[in-house]
């Protein structure tokens, strides 16, 4: 702003002179808020993954294989249902 040394700037010129800095500040603040709002979701995903892995290992170890041979899909579905709050028993 060296070109405006001894001049009085109008409000419009003041806004134009500082618009870039204000927009950069708003962008930075927005990025920080978005990142902070993702922290709880990341924690939930980490807990869900741990639940799913543990449930899958338990179900693979203790489940009797069915005759159709699609046990991997059955184990995955059971662990997913369990970690999402579903029943331990399959539907009848």
PDB file of N, CA and C in Angstrom:
ATOM      1  N   UNK A   1       0.822  -1.186   0.000  1.00  0.00           N
ATOM      2  CA  UNK A   1       0.000   0.000   0.000  1.00  0.00           C
ATOM      3  C   UNK A   1       0.868   1.252   0.000  1.00  0.00           C
ATOM      4  N   UNK A   2       2.020   1.137  -0.544  1.00  0.00           N
ATOM      5  CA  UNK A   2       2.912   2.285  -0.597  1.00  0.00           C
ATOM      6  C   UNK A   2       2.414   3.347  -1.568  1.00  0.00           C
ATOM      7  N   UNK A   3       1.519   2.984  -2.466  1.00  0.00           N
ATOM      8  CA  UNK A   3       0.976   3.966  -3.399  1.00  0.00           C
ATOM      9  C   UNK A   3      -0.084   4.851  -2.752  1.00  0.00           C
ATOM     10  N   UNK A   4      -0.497   4.548  -1.531  1.00  0.00           N
ATOM     11  CA  UNK A   4      -1.513   5.341  -0.819  1.00  0.00           C
ATOM     12  C   UNK A   4      -0.928   5.976   0.437  1.00  0.00           C
ATOM     13  N   UNK A   5       0.283   6.414   0.410  1.00  0.00           N
ATOM     14  CA  UNK A   5       0.965   6.899   1.618  1.00  0.00           C
ATOM     15  C   UNK A   5       0.216   8.014   2.331  1.00  0.00           C
ATOM     16  N   UNK A   6      -0.067   9.102   1.677  1.00  0.00           N
ATOM     17  CA  UNK A   6      -0.680  10.240   2.348  1.00  0.00           C
ATOM     18  C   UNK A   6      -2.130  10.453   1.939  1.00  0.00           C
ATOM     19  N   UNK A   7      -2.765   9.447   1.403  1.00  0.00           N
ATOM     20  CA  UNK A   7      -4.152   9.590   0.967  1.00  0.00           C
ATOM     21  C   UNK A   7      -5.080   8.917   1.964  1.00  0.00           C
ATOM     22  N   UNK A   8      -6.258   9.486   2.095  1.00  0.00           N
ATOM     23  CA  UNK A   8      -7.297   8.884   2.928  1.00  0.00           C
ATOM     24  C   UNK A   8      -8.091   7.933   2.036  1.00  0.00           C
ATOM     25  N   UNK A   9      -8.159   6.654   2.412  1.00  0.00           N
ATOM     26  CA  UNK A   9      -8.860   5.657   1.607  1.00  0.00           C
ATOM     27  C   UNK A   9     -10.338   5.638   1.960  1.00  0.00           C
ATOM     28  N   UNK A  10     -11.150   5.471   0.941  1.00  0.00           N
ATOM     29  CA  UNK A  10     -12.594   5.339   1.175  1.00  0.00           C
ATOM     30  C   UNK A  10     -12.857   3.928   1.718  1.00  0.00           C
ATOM     31  N   UNK A  11     -14.011   3.698   2.318  1.00  0.00           N
ATOM     32  CA  UNK A  11     -14.317   2.356   2.850  1.00  0.00           C
ATOM     33  C   UNK A  11     -14.233   1.268   1.767  1.00  0.00           C
ATOM     34  N   UNK A  12     -14.680   1.580   0.571  1.00  0.00           N
ATOM     35  CA  UNK A  12     -14.632   0.612  -0.521  1.00  0.00           C
ATOM     36  C   UNK A  12     -13.178   0.262  -0.862  1.00  0.00           C
ATOM     37  N   UNK A  13     -12.309   1.253  -0.908  1.00  0.00           N
ATOM     38  CA  UNK A  13     -10.903   1.009  -1.205  1.00  0.00           C
ATOM     39  C   UNK A  13     -10.225   0.233  -0.077  1.00  0.00           C
ATOM     40  N   UNK A  14     -10.620   0.497   1.162  1.00  0.00           N
ATOM     41  CA  UNK A  14     -10.077  -0.255   2.293  1.00  0.00           C
ATOM     42  C   UNK A  14     -10.435  -1.739   2.179  1.00  0.00           C
ATOM     43  N   UNK A  15     -11.692  -2.007   1.819  1.00  0.00           N
ATOM     44  CA  UNK A  15     -12.136  -3.403   1.669  1.00  0.00           C
ATOM     45  C   UNK A  15     -11.371  -4.071   0.537  1.00  0.00           C
ATOM     46  N   UNK A  16     -11.222  -3.385  -0.579  1.00  0.00           N
ATOM     47  CA  UNK A  16     -10.482  -3.955  -1.707  1.00  0.00           C
ATOM     48  C   UNK A  16      -9.017  -4.186  -1.363  1.00  0.00           C
ATOM     49  N   UNK A  17      -8.428  -3.304  -0.585  1.00  0.00           N
ATOM     50  CA  UNK A  17      -7.025  -3.435  -0.232  1.00  0.00           C
ATOM     51  C   UNK A  17      -6.775  -4.630   0.696  1.00  0.00           C
ATOM     52  N   UNK A  18      -7.767  -4.994   1.507  1.00  0.00           N
ATOM     53  CA  UNK A  18      -7.602  -6.069   2.476  1.00  0.00           C
ATOM     54  C   UNK A  18      -8.369  -7.337   2.111  1.00  0.00           C
ATOM     55  N   UNK A  19      -9.017  -7.377   0.978  1.00  0.00           N
ATOM     56  CA  UNK A  19      -9.850  -8.524   0.605  1.00  0.00           C
ATOM     57  C   UNK A  19      -9.041  -9.811   0.505  1.00  0.00           C
ATOM     58  N   UNK A  20      -7.870  -9.748  -0.063  1.00  0.00           N
ATOM     59  CA  UNK A  20      -7.056 -10.962  -0.212  1.00  0.00           C
ATOM     60  C   UNK A  20      -6.677 -11.577   1.118  1.00  0.00           C
ATOM     61  N   UNK A  21      -6.259 -10.746   2.043  1.00  0.00           N
ATOM     62  CA  UNK A  21      -5.861 -11.231   3.365  1.00  0.00           C
ATOM     63  C   UNK A  21      -7.068 -11.811   4.103  1.00  0.00           C
ATOM     64  N   UNK A  22      -8.203 -11.139   4.015  1.00  0.00           N
ATOM     65  CA  UNK A  22      -9.416 -11.603   4.693  1.00  0.00           C
ATOM     66  C   UNK A  22      -9.870 -12.938   4.122  1.00  0.00           C
ATOM     67  N   UNK A  23      -9.822 -13.093   2.796  1.00  0.00           N
ATOM     68  CA  UNK A  23     -10.218 -14.358   2.175  1.00  0.00           C
ATOM     69  C   UNK A  23      -9.257 -15.493   2.551  1.00  0.00           C
ATOM     70  N   UNK A  24      -7.971 -15.205   2.619  1.00  0.00           N
ATOM     71  CA  UNK A  24      -7.006 -16.221   3.031  1.00  0.00           C
ATOM     72  C   UNK A  24      -7.228 -16.633   4.480  1.00  0.00           C
ATOM     73  N   UNK A  25      -7.528 -15.676   5.330  1.00  0.00           N
ATOM     74  CA  UNK A  25      -7.802 -15.973   6.729  1.00  0.00           C
ATOM     75  C   UNK A  25      -9.067 -16.820   6.861  1.00  0.00           C
ATOM     76  N   UNK A  26     -10.108 -16.471   6.129  1.00  0.00           N
ATOM     77  CA  UNK A  26     -11.362 -17.232   6.171  1.00  0.00           C
ATOM     78  C   UNK A  26     -11.149 -18.654   5.664  1.00  0.00           C
ATOM     79  N   UNK A  27     -10.349 -18.805   4.629  1.00  0.00           N
ATOM     80  CA  UNK A  27     -10.054 -20.133   4.093  1.00  0.00           C
ATOM     81  C   UNK A  27      -9.294 -20.976   5.107  1.00  0.00           C
ATOM     82  N   UNK A  28      -8.317 -20.388   5.764  1.00  0.00           N
ATOM     83  CA  UNK A  28      -7.533 -21.114   6.763  1.00  0.00           C
ATOM     84  C   UNK A  28      -8.396 -21.542   7.940  1.00  0.00           C
ATOM     85  N   UNK A  29      -9.229 -20.647   8.411  1.00  0.00           N
ATOM     86  CA  UNK A  29     -10.115 -20.975   9.536  1.00  0.00           C
ATOM     87  C   UNK A  29     -11.084 -22.079   9.138  1.00  0.00           C
ATOM     88  N   UNK A  30     -11.617 -22.017   7.933  1.00  0.00           N
ATOM     89  CA  UNK A  30     -12.534 -23.056   7.461  1.00  0.00           C
ATOM     90  C   UNK A  30     -11.845 -24.414   7.400  1.00  0.00           C
ATOM     91  N   UNK A  31     -10.623 -24.457   6.908  1.00  0.00           N
ATOM     92  CA  UNK A  31      -9.889 -25.725   6.831  1.00  0.00           C
ATOM     93  C   UNK A  31      -9.644 -26.313   8.217  1.00  0.00           C
ATOM     94  N   UNK A  32      -9.322 -25.472   9.191  1.00  0.00           N
ATOM     95  CA  UNK A  32      -9.100 -25.949  10.560  1.00  0.00           C
ATOM     96  C   UNK A  32     -10.392 -26.486  11.158  1.00  0.00           C
ATOM     97  N   UNK A  33     -11.499 -25.807  10.932  1.00  0.00           N
ATOM     98  CA  UNK A  33     -12.797 -26.260  11.466  1.00  0.00           C
ATOM     99  C   UNK A  33     -13.203 -27.592  10.837  1.00  0.00           C
ATOM    100  N   UNK A  34     -13.006 -27.741   9.540  1.00  0.00           N
ATOM    101  CA  UNK A  34     -13.344 -28.996   8.868  1.00  0.00           C
ATOM    102  C   UNK A  34     -12.486 -30.133   9.403  1.00  0.00           C
ATOM    103  N   UNK A  35     -11.196 -29.900   9.555  1.00  0.00           N
ATOM    104  CA  UNK A  35     -10.307 -30.939  10.083  1.00  0.00           C
ATOM    105  C   UNK A  35     -10.694 -31.323  11.510  1.00  0.00           C
ATOM    106  N   UNK A  36     -11.032 -30.351  12.324  1.00  0.00           N
ATOM    107  CA  UNK A  36     -11.419 -30.633  13.704  1.00  0.00           C
ATOM    108  C   UNK A  36     -12.735 -31.404  13.772  1.00  0.00           C
ATOM    109  N   UNK A  37     -13.636 -31.151  12.838  1.00  0.00           N
ATOM    110  CA  UNK A  37     -14.916 -31.859  12.855  1.00  0.00           C
ATOM    111  C   UNK A  37     -14.776 -33.307  12.392  1.00  0.00           C
ATOM    112  N   UNK A  38     -13.678 -33.656  11.741  1.00  0.00           N
ATOM    113  CA  UNK A  38     -13.457 -35.036  11.292  1.00  0.00           C
ATOM    114  C   UNK A  38     -12.822 -35.916  12.363  1.00  0.00           C
ATOM    115  N   UNK A  39     -12.311 -35.339  13.423  1.00  0.00           N
ATOM    116  CA  UNK A  39     -11.645 -36.118  14.476  1.00  0.00           C
ATOM    117  C   UNK A  39     -12.591 -37.125  15.134  1.00  0.00           C
ATOM    118  N   UNK A  40     -13.806 -36.757  15.548  1.00  0.00           N
ATOM    119  CA  UNK A  40     -14.692 -37.762  16.157  1.00  0.00           C
ATOM    120  C   UNK A  40     -15.046 -38.897  15.193  1.00  0.00           C
ATOM    121  N   UNK A  41     -15.205 -38.588  13.926  1.00  0.00           N
ATOM    122  CA  UNK A  41     -15.529 -39.617  12.948  1.00  0.00           C
ATOM    123  C   UNK A  41     -14.364 -40.597  12.781  1.00  0.00           C
ATOM    124  N   UNK A  42     -13.147 -40.082  12.821  1.00  0.00           N
ATOM    125  CA  UNK A  42     -11.973 -40.951  12.711  1.00  0.00           C
ATOM    126  C   UNK A  42     -11.871 -41.867  13.934  1.00  0.00           C
ATOM    127  N   UNK A  43     -12.164 -41.339  15.105  1.00  0.00           N
ATOM    128  CA  UNK A  43     -12.135 -42.163  16.322  1.00  0.00           C
ATOM    129  C   UNK A  43     -13.189 -43.265  16.256  1.00  0.00           C
ATOM    130  N   UNK A  44     -14.386 -42.919  15.799  1.00  0.00           N
ATOM    131  CA  UNK A  44     -15.456 -43.907  15.690  1.00  0.00           C
ATOM    132  C   UNK A  44     -15.079 -44.998  14.689  1.00  0.00           C
ATOM    133  N   UNK A  45     -14.496 -44.609  13.577  1.00  0.00           N
ATOM    134  CA  UNK A  45     -14.088 -45.588  12.572  1.00  0.00           C
ATOM    135  C   UNK A  45     -13.016 -46.530  13.120  1.00  0.00           C
ATOM    136  N   UNK A  46     -12.102 -45.999  13.901  1.00  0.00           N
ATOM    137  CA  UNK A  46     -11.047 -46.821  14.492  1.00  0.00           C
ATOM    138  C   UNK A  46     -11.637 -47.836  15.473  1.00  0.00           C
ATOM    139  N   UNK A  47     -12.584 -47.402  16.307  1.00  0.00           N
ATOM    140  CA  UNK A  47     -13.235 -48.313  17.246  1.00  0.00           C
ATOM    141  C   UNK A  47     -14.058 -49.364  16.522  1.00  0.00           C
ATOM    142  N   UNK A  48     -14.769 -48.955  15.465  1.00  0.00           N
ATOM    143  CA  UNK A  48     -15.591 -49.900  14.714  1.00  0.00           C
ATOM    144  C   UNK A  48     -14.707 -50.947  14.048  1.00  0.00           C
ATOM    145  N   UNK A  49     -13.579 -50.523  13.499  1.00  0.00           N
ATOM    146  CA  UNK A  49     -12.672 -51.467  12.841  1.00  0.00           C
ATOM    147  C   UNK A  49     -12.121 -52.480  13.845  1.00  0.00           C
ATOM    148  N   UNK A  50     -11.775 -52.016  15.040  1.00  0.00           N
ATOM    149  CA  UNK A  50     -11.288 -52.928  16.076  1.00  0.00           C
ATOM    150  C   UNK A  50     -12.381 -53.921  16.469  1.00  0.00           C
ATOM    151  N   UNK A  51     -13.606 -53.454  16.607  1.00  0.00           N
ATOM    152  CA  UNK A  51     -14.737 -54.335  16.928  1.00  0.00           C
ATOM    153  C   UNK A  51     -14.931 -55.366  15.824  1.00  0.00           C
ATOM    154  N   UNK A  52     -14.893 -54.914  14.582  1.00  0.00           N
ATOM    155  CA  UNK A  52     -15.115 -55.810  13.448  1.00  0.00           C
ATOM    156  C   UNK A  52     -14.018 -56.875  13.373  1.00  0.00           C
ATOM    157  N   UNK A  53     -12.770 -56.479  13.539  1.00  0.00           N
ATOM    158  CA  UNK A  53     -11.671 -57.444  13.474  1.00  0.00           C
ATOM    159  C   UNK A  53     -11.770 -58.480  14.594  1.00  0.00           C
ATOM    160  N   UNK A  54     -12.053 -58.011  15.805  1.00  0.00           N
ATOM    161  CA  UNK A  54     -12.181 -58.929  16.937  1.00  0.00           C
ATOM    162  C   UNK A  54     -13.366 -59.865  16.756  1.00  0.00           C
ATOM    163  N   UNK A  55     -14.494 -59.330  16.325  1.00  0.00           N
ATOM    164  CA  UNK A  55     -15.689 -60.146  16.126  1.00  0.00           C
ATOM    165  C   UNK A  55     -15.483 -61.164  15.010  1.00  0.00           C
ATOM    166  N   UNK A  56     -14.818 -60.745  13.965  1.00  0.00           N
ATOM    167  CA  UNK A  56     -14.557 -61.645  12.841  1.00  0.00           C
ATOM    168  C   UNK A  56     -13.667 -62.805  13.281  1.00  0.00           C
ATOM    169  N   UNK A  57     -12.605 -62.507  14.028  1.00  0.00           N
ATOM    170  CA  UNK A  57     -11.723 -63.572  14.520  1.00  0.00           C
ATOM    171  C   UNK A  57     -12.486 -64.538  15.425  1.00  0.00           C
ATOM    172  N   UNK A  58     -13.314 -63.998  16.307  1.00  0.00           N
ATOM    173  CA  UNK A  58     -14.088 -64.847  17.215  1.00  0.00           C
ATOM    174  C   UNK A  58     -15.065 -65.713  16.431  1.00  0.00           C
ATOM    175  N   UNK A  59     -15.765 -65.128  15.481  1.00  0.00           N
ATOM    176  CA  UNK A  59     -16.778 -65.869  14.729  1.00  0.00           C
ATOM    177  C   UNK A  59     -16.143 -66.943  13.859  1.00  0.00           C
ATOM    178  N   UNK A  60     -14.995 -66.653  13.260  1.00  0.00           N
ATOM    179  CA  UNK A  60     -14.301 -67.649  12.443  1.00  0.00           C
ATOM    180  C   UNK A  60     -13.859 -68.819  13.315  1.00  0.00           C
ATOM    181  N   UNK A  61     -13.415 -68.519  14.531  1.00  0.00           N
ATOM    182  CA  UNK A  61     -12.918 -69.566  15.420  1.00  0.00           C
ATOM    183  C   UNK A  61     -14.033 -70.445  15.957  1.00  0.00           C
ATOM    184  N   UNK A  62     -15.182 -69.856  16.285  1.00  0.00           N
ATOM    185  CA  UNK A  62     -16.226 -70.608  16.986  1.00  0.00           C
ATOM    186  C   UNK A  62     -17.416 -71.007  16.131  1.00  0.00           C
ATOM    187  N   UNK A  63     -17.519 -70.520  14.933  1.00  0.00           N
ATOM    188  CA  UNK A  63     -18.685 -70.825  14.107  1.00  0.00           C
ATOM    189  C   UNK A  63     -18.473 -72.149  13.369  1.00  0.00           C
ATOM    190  N   UNK A  64     -19.481 -72.985  13.396  1.00  0.00           N
ATOM    191  CA  UNK A  64     -19.444 -74.241  12.646  1.00  0.00           C
ATOM    192  C   UNK A  64     -19.724 -73.914  11.187  1.00  0.00           C
ATOM    193  N   UNK A  65     -18.891 -74.434  10.293  1.00  0.00           N
ATOM    194  CA  UNK A  65     -19.065 -74.129   8.874  1.00  0.00           C
ATOM    195  C   UNK A  65     -20.375 -74.714   8.360  1.00  0.00           C
ATOM    196  N   UNK A  66     -21.059 -73.944   7.529  1.00  0.00           N
ATOM    197  CA  UNK A  66     -22.286 -74.446   6.938  1.00  0.00           C
ATOM    198  C   UNK A  66     -21.957 -75.197   5.655  1.00  0.00           C
ATOM    199  N   UNK A  67     -22.917 -75.899   5.136  1.00  0.00           N
ATOM    200  CA  UNK A  67     -22.668 -76.792   4.010  1.00  0.00           C
ATOM    201  C   UNK A  67     -22.513 -76.065   2.681  1.00  0.00           C
ATOM    202  N   UNK A  68     -22.895 -74.799   2.586  1.00  0.00           N
ATOM    203  CA  UNK A  68     -22.822 -74.102   1.303  1.00  0.00           C
ATOM    204  C   UNK A  68     -21.418 -73.637   0.976  1.00  0.00           C
ATOM    205  N   UNK A  69     -20.541 -73.542   1.951  1.00  0.00           N
ATOM    206  CA  UNK A  69     -19.157 -73.171   1.698  1.00  0.00           C
ATOM    207  C   UNK A  69     -18.919 -71.678   1.604  1.00  0.00           C
ATOM    208  N   UNK A  70     -19.922 -70.847   1.831  1.00  0.00           N
ATOM    209  CA  UNK A  70     -19.743 -69.387   1.749  1.00  0.00           C
ATOM    210  C   UNK A  70     -19.492 -68.802   3.135  1.00  0.00           C
ATOM    211  N   UNK A  71     -18.606 -69.426   3.868  1.00  0.00           N
ATOM    212  CA  UNK A  71     -18.401 -69.015   5.259  1.00  0.00           C
ATOM    213  C   UNK A  71     -17.758 -67.648   5.379  1.00  0.00           C
ATOM    214  N   UNK A  72     -16.897 -67.251   4.435  1.00  0.00           N
ATOM    215  CA  UNK A  72     -16.245 -65.938   4.535  1.00  0.00           C
ATOM    216  C   UNK A  72     -17.285 -64.820   4.506  1.00  0.00           C
ATOM    217  N   UNK A  73     -18.248 -64.917   3.599  1.00  0.00           N
ATOM    218  CA  UNK A  73     -19.302 -63.909   3.526  1.00  0.00           C
ATOM    219  C   UNK A  73     -20.177 -63.930   4.774  1.00  0.00           C
ATOM    220  N   UNK A  74     -20.437 -65.116   5.289  1.00  0.00           N
ATOM    221  CA  UNK A  74     -21.247 -65.242   6.504  1.00  0.00           C
ATOM    222  C   UNK A  74     -20.527 -64.609   7.677  1.00  0.00           C
ATOM    223  N   UNK A  75     -19.227 -64.865   7.798  1.00  0.00           N
ATOM    224  CA  UNK A  75     -18.454 -64.279   8.893  1.00  0.00           C
ATOM    225  C   UNK A  75     -18.421 -62.759   8.800  1.00  0.00           C
ATOM    226  N   UNK A  76     -18.195 -62.247   7.596  1.00  0.00           N
ATOM    227  CA  UNK A  76     -18.163 -60.788   7.396  1.00  0.00           C
ATOM    228  C   UNK A  76     -19.506 -60.159   7.751  1.00  0.00           C
ATOM    229  N   UNK A  77     -20.580 -60.770   7.285  1.00  0.00           N
ATOM    230  CA  UNK A  77     -21.920 -60.229   7.552  1.00  0.00           C
ATOM    231  C   UNK A  77     -22.225 -60.265   9.045  1.00  0.00           C
ATOM    232  N   UNK A  78     -21.863 -61.366   9.709  1.00  0.00           N
ATOM    233  CA  UNK A  78     -22.127 -61.472  11.135  1.00  0.00           C
ATOM    234  C   UNK A  78     -21.361 -60.413  11.914  1.00  0.00           C
ATOM    235  N   UNK A  79     -20.064 -60.241  11.608  1.00  0.00           N
ATOM    236  CA  UNK A  79     -19.247 -59.258  12.333  1.00  0.00           C
ATOM    237  C   UNK A  79     -19.758 -57.841  12.086  1.00  0.00           C
ATOM    238  N   UNK A  80     -20.161 -57.554  10.864  1.00  0.00           N
ATOM    239  CA  UNK A  80     -20.696 -56.233  10.546  1.00  0.00           C
ATOM    240  C   UNK A  80     -21.989 -55.978  11.311  1.00  0.00           C
ATOM    241  N   UNK A  81     -22.886 -56.970  11.308  1.00  0.00           N
ATOM    242  CA  UNK A  81     -24.164 -56.811  12.020  1.00  0.00           C
ATOM    243  C   UNK A  81     -23.920 -56.630  13.517  1.00  0.00           C
ATOM    244  N   UNK A  82     -23.010 -57.400  14.080  1.00  0.00           N
ATOM    245  CA  UNK A  82     -22.730 -57.308  15.509  1.00  0.00           C
ATOM    246  C   UNK A  82     -22.179 -55.935  15.883  1.00  0.00           C
ATOM    247  N   UNK A  83     -21.214 -55.427  15.109  1.00  0.00           N
ATOM    248  CA  UNK A  83     -20.594 -54.136  15.440  1.00  0.00           C
ATOM    249  C   UNK A  83     -21.524 -52.957  15.168  1.00  0.00           C
ATOM    250  N   UNK A  84     -22.543 -53.166  14.362  1.00  0.00           N
ATOM    251  CA  UNK A  84     -23.531 -52.110  14.132  1.00  0.00           C
ATOM    252  C   UNK A  84     -24.674 -52.170  15.136  1.00  0.00           C
ATOM    253  N   UNK A  85     -24.572 -53.075  16.126  1.00  0.00           N
ATOM    254  CA  UNK A  85     -25.571 -53.135  17.185  1.00  0.00           C
ATOM    255  C   UNK A  85     -26.621 -54.195  16.976  1.00  0.00           C
ATOM    256  N   UNK A  86     -26.382 -55.116  16.071  1.00  0.00           N
ATOM    257  CA  UNK A  86     -27.360 -56.163  15.782  1.00  0.00           C
ATOM    258  C   UNK A  86     -27.282 -57.317  16.758  1.00  0.00           C
ATOM    259  N   UNK A  87     -28.124 -58.280  16.531  1.00  0.00           N
ATOM    260  CA  UNK A  87     -28.217 -59.453  17.375  1.00  0.00           C
ATOM    261  C   UNK A  87     -27.039 -60.384  17.157  1.00  0.00           C
ATOM    262  N   UNK A  88     -26.732 -61.186  18.173  1.00  0.00           N
ATOM    263  CA  UNK A  88     -25.679 -62.187  18.033  1.00  0.00           C
ATOM    264  C   UNK A  88     -26.162 -63.406  17.259  1.00  0.00           C
ATOM    265  N   UNK A  89     -27.454 -63.649  17.293  1.00  0.00           N
ATOM    266  CA  UNK A  89     -28.012 -64.811  16.599  1.00  0.00           C
ATOM    267  C   UNK A  89     -28.488 -64.406  15.210  1.00  0.00           C
ATOM    268  N   UNK A  90     -28.347 -65.295  14.235  1.00  0.00           N
ATOM    269  CA  UNK A  90     -28.887 -64.975  12.909  1.00  0.00           C
ATOM    270  C   UNK A  90     -30.414 -64.956  12.955  1.00  0.00           C
ATOM    271  N   UNK A  91     -30.985 -64.274  12.024  1.00  0.00           N
ATOM    272  CA  UNK A  91     -32.443 -64.183  11.978  1.00  0.00           C
ATOM    273  C   UNK A  91     -33.036 -65.537  11.641  1.00  0.00           C
ATOM    274  N   UNK A  92     -34.190 -65.783  12.230  1.00  0.00           N
ATOM    275  CA  UNK A  92     -34.858 -67.062  11.971  1.00  0.00           C
ATOM    276  C   UNK A  92     -35.913 -66.954  10.926  1.00  0.00           C
TER     277      UNK A  92
END
